[in-house]
């Protein structure tokens, strides 16, 4: 499994949070589609090829923080 976001040339900022939140959710939807049917253990194994456990935890925390800021529930990142 390899899912890389396309590069964007637009800087994140307070005036375009909604845009970036939609981009993040779209990216996570693509990840979920690519990992459909995979267990949490399988997804974590793939993530650990590129990220440390601490980085994965930080990503999950930042997603939760962003969702709270946007008034939404955190999008799924790793299946339970």
PDB file of N, CA and C in Angstrom:
ATOM      1  N   UNK A   1       0.846  -1.172   0.000  1.00  0.00           N
ATOM      2  CA  UNK A   1       0.000   0.000   0.000  1.00  0.00           C
ATOM      3  C   UNK A   1       0.892   1.235   0.000  1.00  0.00           C
ATOM      4  N   UNK A   2       0.634   2.131  -0.908  1.00  0.00           N
ATOM      5  CA  UNK A   2       1.379   3.387  -0.970  1.00  0.00           C
ATOM      6  C   UNK A   2       0.395   4.481  -1.351  1.00  0.00           C
ATOM      7  N   UNK A   3       0.166   5.411  -0.446  1.00  0.00           N
ATOM      8  CA  UNK A   3      -0.725   6.530  -0.727  1.00  0.00           C
ATOM      9  C   UNK A   3       0.028   7.800  -0.392  1.00  0.00           C
ATOM     10  N   UNK A   4       0.336   8.592  -1.401  1.00  0.00           N
ATOM     11  CA  UNK A   4       1.028   9.859  -1.193  1.00  0.00           C
ATOM     12  C   UNK A   4       0.137  10.990  -1.664  1.00  0.00           C
ATOM     13  N   UNK A   5       0.048  12.056  -0.866  1.00  0.00           N
ATOM     14  CA  UNK A   5      -0.764  13.192  -1.296  1.00  0.00           C
ATOM     15  C   UNK A   5      -0.072  13.936  -2.438  1.00  0.00           C
ATOM     16  N   UNK A   6      -0.872  14.507  -3.293  1.00  0.00           N
ATOM     17  CA  UNK A   6      -0.315  15.354  -4.353  1.00  0.00           C
ATOM     18  C   UNK A   6       0.159  16.655  -3.722  1.00  0.00           C
ATOM     19  N   UNK A   7       1.261  17.212  -4.193  1.00  0.00           N
ATOM     20  CA  UNK A   7       1.743  18.463  -3.604  1.00  0.00           C
ATOM     21  C   UNK A   7       0.787  19.613  -3.897  1.00  0.00           C
ATOM     22  N   UNK A   8       0.651  20.468  -2.934  1.00  0.00           N
ATOM     23  CA  UNK A   8      -0.187  21.657  -3.078  1.00  0.00           C
ATOM     24  C   UNK A   8       0.699  22.871  -2.901  1.00  0.00           C
ATOM     25  N   UNK A   9       0.374  23.919  -3.586  1.00  0.00           N
ATOM     26  CA  UNK A   9       1.186  25.120  -3.541  1.00  0.00           C
ATOM     27  C   UNK A   9       0.468  26.248  -2.826  1.00  0.00           C
ATOM     28  N   UNK A  10      -0.497  25.905  -2.024  1.00  0.00           N
ATOM     29  CA  UNK A  10      -1.281  26.875  -1.284  1.00  0.00           C
ATOM     30  C   UNK A  10      -0.917  26.739   0.188  1.00  0.00           C
ATOM     31  N   UNK A  11      -0.499  27.823   0.799  1.00  0.00           N
ATOM     32  CA  UNK A  11      -0.111  27.772   2.203  1.00  0.00           C
ATOM     33  C   UNK A  11      -1.332  27.632   3.097  1.00  0.00           C
ATOM     34  N   UNK A  12      -1.236  26.760   4.132  1.00  0.00           N
ATOM     35  CA  UNK A  12      -2.322  26.688   5.100  1.00  0.00           C
ATOM     36  C   UNK A  12      -2.411  28.001   5.866  1.00  0.00           C
ATOM     37  N   UNK A  13      -3.592  28.374   6.230  1.00  0.00           N
ATOM     38  CA  UNK A  13      -3.781  29.588   7.014  1.00  0.00           C
ATOM     39  C   UNK A  13      -5.184  29.615   7.580  1.00  0.00           C
ATOM     40  N   UNK A  14      -5.408  30.498   8.548  1.00  0.00           N
ATOM     41  CA  UNK A  14      -6.713  30.583   9.200  1.00  0.00           C
ATOM     42  C   UNK A  14      -7.833  30.893   8.210  1.00  0.00           C
ATOM     43  N   UNK A  15      -7.513  31.619   7.138  1.00  0.00           N
ATOM     44  CA  UNK A  15      -8.545  32.003   6.185  1.00  0.00           C
ATOM     45  C   UNK A  15      -8.960  30.866   5.251  1.00  0.00           C
ATOM     46  N   UNK A  16      -8.227  29.779   5.236  1.00  0.00           N
ATOM     47  CA  UNK A  16      -8.612  28.659   4.368  1.00  0.00           C
ATOM     48  C   UNK A  16      -8.622  27.318   5.110  1.00  0.00           C
ATOM     49  N   UNK A  17      -8.939  27.346   6.406  1.00  0.00           N
ATOM     50  CA  UNK A  17      -9.015  26.112   7.195  1.00  0.00           C
ATOM     51  C   UNK A  17     -10.022  25.131   6.604  1.00  0.00           C
ATOM     52  N   UNK A  18     -11.182  25.632   6.165  1.00  0.00           N
ATOM     53  CA  UNK A  18     -12.193  24.732   5.603  1.00  0.00           C
ATOM     54  C   UNK A  18     -11.657  24.009   4.375  1.00  0.00           C
ATOM     55  N   UNK A  19     -10.919  24.722   3.544  1.00  0.00           N
ATOM     56  CA  UNK A  19     -10.324  24.101   2.354  1.00  0.00           C
ATOM     57  C   UNK A  19      -9.390  22.962   2.757  1.00  0.00           C
ATOM     58  N   UNK A  20      -8.497  23.238   3.686  1.00  0.00           N
ATOM     59  CA  UNK A  20      -7.519  22.226   4.082  1.00  0.00           C
ATOM     60  C   UNK A  20      -8.172  21.068   4.813  1.00  0.00           C
ATOM     61  N   UNK A  21      -9.222  21.341   5.577  1.00  0.00           N
ATOM     62  CA  UNK A  21      -9.929  20.267   6.265  1.00  0.00           C
ATOM     63  C   UNK A  21     -10.561  19.330   5.232  1.00  0.00           C
ATOM     64  N   UNK A  22     -11.136  19.886   4.177  1.00  0.00           N
ATOM     65  CA  UNK A  22     -11.706  19.059   3.107  1.00  0.00           C
ATOM     66  C   UNK A  22     -10.609  18.247   2.412  1.00  0.00           C
ATOM     67  N   UNK A  23      -9.445  18.855   2.201  1.00  0.00           N
ATOM     68  CA  UNK A  23      -8.322  18.136   1.589  1.00  0.00           C
ATOM     69  C   UNK A  23      -7.893  16.956   2.464  1.00  0.00           C
ATOM     70  N   UNK A  24      -7.802  17.183   3.765  1.00  0.00           N
ATOM     71  CA  UNK A  24      -7.399  16.129   4.705  1.00  0.00           C
ATOM     72  C   UNK A  24      -8.415  14.996   4.685  1.00  0.00           C
ATOM     73  N   UNK A  25      -9.695  15.340   4.774  1.00  0.00           N
ATOM     74  CA  UNK A  25     -10.730  14.308   4.774  1.00  0.00           C
ATOM     75  C   UNK A  25     -10.733  13.536   3.456  1.00  0.00           C
ATOM     76  N   UNK A  26     -10.507  14.219   2.351  1.00  0.00           N
ATOM     77  CA  UNK A  26     -10.433  13.540   1.057  1.00  0.00           C
ATOM     78  C   UNK A  26      -9.260  12.580   0.996  1.00  0.00           C
ATOM     79  N   UNK A  27      -8.111  13.024   1.511  1.00  0.00           N
ATOM     80  CA  UNK A  27      -6.927  12.169   1.550  1.00  0.00           C
ATOM     81  C   UNK A  27      -7.191  10.930   2.408  1.00  0.00           C
ATOM     82  N   UNK A  28      -7.803  11.130   3.583  1.00  0.00           N
ATOM     83  CA  UNK A  28      -8.079   9.999   4.469  1.00  0.00           C
ATOM     84  C   UNK A  28      -9.105   9.053   3.852  1.00  0.00           C
ATOM     85  N   UNK A  29     -10.026   9.595   3.073  1.00  0.00           N
ATOM     86  CA  UNK A  29     -10.993   8.744   2.377  1.00  0.00           C
ATOM     87  C   UNK A  29     -10.263   7.856   1.366  1.00  0.00           C
ATOM     88  N   UNK A  30      -9.277   8.424   0.674  1.00  0.00           N
ATOM     89  CA  UNK A  30      -8.475   7.634  -0.268  1.00  0.00           C
ATOM     90  C   UNK A  30      -7.677   6.554   0.457  1.00  0.00           C
ATOM     91  N   UNK A  31      -7.133   6.899   1.616  1.00  0.00           N
ATOM     92  CA  UNK A  31      -6.390   5.917   2.417  1.00  0.00           C
ATOM     93  C   UNK A  31      -7.328   4.790   2.838  1.00  0.00           C
ATOM     94  N   UNK A  32      -8.521   5.152   3.326  1.00  0.00           N
ATOM     95  CA  UNK A  32      -9.489   4.142   3.762  1.00  0.00           C
ATOM     96  C   UNK A  32      -9.878   3.233   2.599  1.00  0.00           C
ATOM     97  N   UNK A  33     -10.033   3.811   1.430  1.00  0.00           N
ATOM     98  CA  UNK A  33     -10.378   3.025   0.251  1.00  0.00           C
ATOM     99  C   UNK A  33      -9.242   2.062  -0.117  1.00  0.00           C
ATOM    100  N   UNK A  34      -8.008   2.539  -0.006  1.00  0.00           N
ATOM    101  CA  UNK A  34      -6.845   1.710  -0.340  1.00  0.00           C
ATOM    102  C   UNK A  34      -6.624   0.596   0.674  1.00  0.00           C
ATOM    103  N   UNK A  35      -7.086   0.795   1.898  1.00  0.00           N
ATOM    104  CA  UNK A  35      -6.868  -0.198   2.953  1.00  0.00           C
ATOM    105  C   UNK A  35      -8.156  -0.932   3.317  1.00  0.00           C
ATOM    106  N   UNK A  36      -9.165  -0.814   2.487  1.00  0.00           N
ATOM    107  CA  UNK A  36     -10.458  -1.439   2.766  1.00  0.00           C
ATOM    108  C   UNK A  36     -10.276  -2.933   3.015  1.00  0.00           C
ATOM    109  N   UNK A  37     -10.831  -3.391   4.112  1.00  0.00           N
ATOM    110  CA  UNK A  37     -10.735  -4.798   4.463  1.00  0.00           C
ATOM    111  C   UNK A  37      -9.495  -5.164   5.257  1.00  0.00           C
ATOM    112  N   UNK A  38      -8.561  -4.224   5.389  1.00  0.00           N
ATOM    113  CA  UNK A  38      -7.338  -4.496   6.157  1.00  0.00           C
ATOM    114  C   UNK A  38      -7.614  -4.311   7.646  1.00  0.00           C
ATOM    115  N   UNK A  39      -6.950  -5.100   8.449  1.00  0.00           N
ATOM    116  CA  UNK A  39      -7.089  -4.970   9.898  1.00  0.00           C
ATOM    117  C   UNK A  39      -6.232  -3.812  10.401  1.00  0.00           C
ATOM    118  N   UNK A  40      -6.473  -3.414  11.640  1.00  0.00           N
ATOM    119  CA  UNK A  40      -5.661  -2.362  12.264  1.00  0.00           C
ATOM    120  C   UNK A  40      -4.181  -2.759  12.245  1.00  0.00           C
ATOM    121  N   UNK A  41      -3.913  -4.031  12.555  1.00  0.00           N
ATOM    122  CA  UNK A  41      -2.533  -4.522  12.589  1.00  0.00           C
ATOM    123  C   UNK A  41      -1.870  -4.389  11.212  1.00  0.00           C
ATOM    124  N   UNK A  42      -2.603  -4.714  10.154  1.00  0.00           N
ATOM    125  CA  UNK A  42      -2.053  -4.613   8.803  1.00  0.00           C
ATOM    126  C   UNK A  42      -1.770  -3.159   8.421  1.00  0.00           C
ATOM    127  N   UNK A  43      -2.704  -2.263   8.747  1.00  0.00           N
ATOM    128  CA  UNK A  43      -2.519  -0.842   8.424  1.00  0.00           C
ATOM    129  C   UNK A  43      -1.338  -0.284   9.205  1.00  0.00           C
ATOM    130  N   UNK A  44      -1.243  -0.626  10.487  1.00  0.00           N
ATOM    131  CA  UNK A  44      -0.116  -0.150  11.293  1.00  0.00           C
ATOM    132  C   UNK A  44       1.212  -0.668  10.750  1.00  0.00           C
ATOM    133  N   UNK A  45       1.236  -1.911  10.302  1.00  0.00           N
ATOM    134  CA  UNK A  45       2.470  -2.461   9.735  1.00  0.00           C
ATOM    135  C   UNK A  45       2.921  -1.625   8.530  1.00  0.00           C
ATOM    136  N   UNK A  46       1.981  -1.247   7.681  1.00  0.00           N
ATOM    137  CA  UNK A  46       2.314  -0.424   6.511  1.00  0.00           C
ATOM    138  C   UNK A  46       2.754   0.977   6.926  1.00  0.00           C
ATOM    139  N   UNK A  47       2.067   1.569   7.888  1.00  0.00           N
ATOM    140  CA  UNK A  47       2.437   2.913   8.350  1.00  0.00           C
ATOM    141  C   UNK A  47       3.824   2.922   8.976  1.00  0.00           C
ATOM    142  N   UNK A  48       4.161   1.847   9.676  1.00  0.00           N
ATOM    143  CA  UNK A  48       5.468   1.776  10.353  1.00  0.00           C
ATOM    144  C   UNK A  48       6.633   1.658   9.369  1.00  0.00           C
ATOM    145  N   UNK A  49       6.341   1.387   8.128  1.00  0.00           N
ATOM    146  CA  UNK A  49       7.408   1.379   7.116  1.00  0.00           C
ATOM    147  C   UNK A  49       7.899   2.794   6.839  1.00  0.00           C
ATOM    148  N   UNK A  50       7.042   3.765   7.131  1.00  0.00           N
ATOM    149  CA  UNK A  50       7.380   5.159   6.824  1.00  0.00           C
ATOM    150  C   UNK A  50       7.405   6.062   8.054  1.00  0.00           C
ATOM    151  N   UNK A  51       6.649   5.692   9.085  1.00  0.00           N
ATOM    152  CA  UNK A  51       6.521   6.537  10.274  1.00  0.00           C
ATOM    153  C   UNK A  51       6.869   5.749  11.529  1.00  0.00           C
ATOM    154  N   UNK A  52       7.388   6.457  12.532  1.00  0.00           N
ATOM    155  CA  UNK A  52       7.629   5.832  13.836  1.00  0.00           C
ATOM    156  C   UNK A  52       6.301   5.762  14.590  1.00  0.00           C
ATOM    157  N   UNK A  53       6.272   4.954  15.661  1.00  0.00           N
ATOM    158  CA  UNK A  53       5.068   4.874  16.488  1.00  0.00           C
ATOM    159  C   UNK A  53       4.705   6.248  17.044  1.00  0.00           C
ATOM    160  N   UNK A  54       5.710   7.009  17.463  1.00  0.00           N
ATOM    161  CA  UNK A  54       5.453   8.353  17.994  1.00  0.00           C
ATOM    162  C   UNK A  54       4.831   9.256  16.935  1.00  0.00           C
ATOM    163  N   UNK A  55       5.286   9.142  15.703  1.00  0.00           N
ATOM    164  CA  UNK A  55       4.722   9.960  14.626  1.00  0.00           C
ATOM    165  C   UNK A  55       3.278   9.561  14.333  1.00  0.00           C
ATOM    166  N   UNK A  56       2.985   8.277  14.373  1.00  0.00           N
ATOM    167  CA  UNK A  56       1.617   7.808  14.140  1.00  0.00           C
ATOM    168  C   UNK A  56       0.698   8.339  15.231  1.00  0.00           C
ATOM    169  N   UNK A  57       1.149   8.279  16.477  1.00  0.00           N
ATOM    170  CA  UNK A  57       0.366   8.808  17.598  1.00  0.00           C
ATOM    171  C   UNK A  57       0.142  10.304  17.418  1.00  0.00           C
ATOM    172  N   UNK A  58       1.185  11.011  16.997  1.00  0.00           N
ATOM    173  CA  UNK A  58       1.067  12.460  16.787  1.00  0.00           C
ATOM    174  C   UNK A  58       0.082  12.775  15.655  1.00  0.00           C
ATOM    175  N   UNK A  59       0.108  11.999  14.588  1.00  0.00           N
ATOM    176  CA  UNK A  59      -0.830  12.206  13.480  1.00  0.00           C
ATOM    177  C   UNK A  59      -2.260  12.040  13.977  1.00  0.00           C
ATOM    178  N   UNK A  60      -2.507  10.968  14.734  1.00  0.00           N
ATOM    179  CA  UNK A  60      -3.858  10.741  15.269  1.00  0.00           C
ATOM    180  C   UNK A  60      -4.287  11.890  16.170  1.00  0.00           C
ATOM    181  N   UNK A  61      -3.371  12.371  17.017  1.00  0.00           N
ATOM    182  CA  UNK A  61      -3.689  13.473  17.927  1.00  0.00           C
ATOM    183  C   UNK A  61      -3.980  14.757  17.149  1.00  0.00           C
ATOM    184  N   UNK A  62      -3.189  15.040  16.128  1.00  0.00           N
ATOM    185  CA  UNK A  62      -3.395  16.255  15.323  1.00  0.00           C
ATOM    186  C   UNK A  62      -4.703  16.184  14.545  1.00  0.00           C
ATOM    187  N   UNK A  63      -5.071  15.000  14.069  1.00  0.00           N
ATOM    188  CA  UNK A  63      -6.355  14.848  13.390  1.00  0.00           C
ATOM    189  C   UNK A  63      -7.509  15.123  14.347  1.00  0.00           C
ATOM    190  N   UNK A  64      -7.403  14.608  15.571  1.00  0.00           N
ATOM    191  CA  UNK A  64      -8.434  14.855  16.577  1.00  0.00           C
ATOM    192  C   UNK A  64      -8.509  16.342  16.916  1.00  0.00           C
ATOM    193  N   UNK A  65      -7.359  16.986  17.044  1.00  0.00           N
ATOM    194  CA  UNK A  65      -7.304  18.422  17.343  1.00  0.00           C
ATOM    195  C   UNK A  65      -7.941  19.238  16.209  1.00  0.00           C
ATOM    196  N   UNK A  66      -7.616  18.897  14.977  1.00  0.00           N
ATOM    197  CA  UNK A  66      -8.174  19.611  13.826  1.00  0.00           C
ATOM    198  C   UNK A  66      -9.684  19.408  13.742  1.00  0.00           C
ATOM    199  N   UNK A  67     -10.143  18.184  13.987  1.00  0.00           N
ATOM    200  CA  UNK A  67     -11.576  17.907  13.942  1.00  0.00           C
ATOM    201  C   UNK A  67     -12.316  18.728  14.986  1.00  0.00           C
ATOM    202  N   UNK A  68     -11.762  18.810  16.176  1.00  0.00           N
ATOM    203  CA  UNK A  68     -12.376  19.611  17.235  1.00  0.00           C
ATOM    204  C   UNK A  68     -12.454  21.069  16.807  1.00  0.00           C
ATOM    205  N   UNK A  69     -11.381  21.578  16.237  1.00  0.00           N
ATOM    206  CA  UNK A  69     -11.346  22.971  15.773  1.00  0.00           C
ATOM    207  C   UNK A  69     -12.408  23.217  14.704  1.00  0.00           C
ATOM    208  N   UNK A  70     -12.652  22.214  13.863  1.00  0.00           N
ATOM    209  CA  UNK A  70     -13.624  22.350  12.782  1.00  0.00           C
ATOM    210  C   UNK A  70     -15.036  21.963  13.222  1.00  0.00           C
ATOM    211  N   UNK A  71     -15.198  21.563  14.491  1.00  0.00           N
ATOM    212  CA  UNK A  71     -16.515  21.214  15.017  1.00  0.00           C
ATOM    213  C   UNK A  71     -17.035  19.882  14.503  1.00  0.00           C
ATOM    214  N   UNK A  72     -16.128  18.962  14.209  1.00  0.00           N
ATOM    215  CA  UNK A  72     -16.508  17.651  13.686  1.00  0.00           C
ATOM    216  C   UNK A  72     -15.844  16.541  14.492  1.00  0.00           C
ATOM    217  N   UNK A  73     -16.304  15.323  14.250  1.00  0.00           N
ATOM    218  CA  UNK A  73     -15.642  14.158  14.830  1.00  0.00           C
ATOM    219  C   UNK A  73     -14.390  13.862  14.014  1.00  0.00           C
ATOM    220  N   UNK A  74     -13.365  13.306  14.657  1.00  0.00           N
ATOM    221  CA  UNK A  74     -12.153  12.967  13.903  1.00  0.00           C
ATOM    222  C   UNK A  74     -12.462  11.956  12.799  1.00  0.00           C
ATOM    223  N   UNK A  75     -11.902  12.159  11.612  1.00  0.00           N
ATOM    224  CA  UNK A  75     -12.114  11.177  10.546  1.00  0.00           C
ATOM    225  C   UNK A  75     -11.341   9.901  10.856  1.00  0.00           C
ATOM    226  N   UNK A  76     -11.796   8.765  10.336  1.00  0.00           N
ATOM    227  CA  UNK A  76     -11.066   7.520  10.593  1.00  0.00           C
ATOM    228  C   UNK A  76      -9.676   7.564   9.973  1.00  0.00           C
ATOM    229  N   UNK A  77      -8.695   7.133  10.739  1.00  0.00           N
ATOM    230  CA  UNK A  77      -7.313   7.119  10.270  1.00  0.00           C
ATOM    231  C   UNK A  77      -6.810   5.684  10.213  1.00  0.00           C
ATOM    232  N   UNK A  78      -6.982   4.963  11.303  1.00  0.00           N
ATOM    233  CA  UNK A  78      -6.577   3.561  11.381  1.00  0.00           C
ATOM    234  C   UNK A  78      -7.797   2.781  11.869  1.00  0.00           C
ATOM    235  N   UNK A  79      -8.164   1.689  11.200  1.00  0.00           N
ATOM    236  CA  UNK A  79      -9.335   0.921  11.650  1.00  0.00           C
ATOM    237  C   UNK A  79      -9.134   0.381  13.064  1.00  0.00           C
ATOM    238  N   UNK A  80     -10.245   0.210  13.772  1.00  0.00           N
ATOM    239  CA  UNK A  80     -10.172  -0.308  15.142  1.00  0.00           C
ATOM    240  C   UNK A  80     -10.379  -1.771  15.176  1.00  0.00           C
TER     241      UNK A  80
END
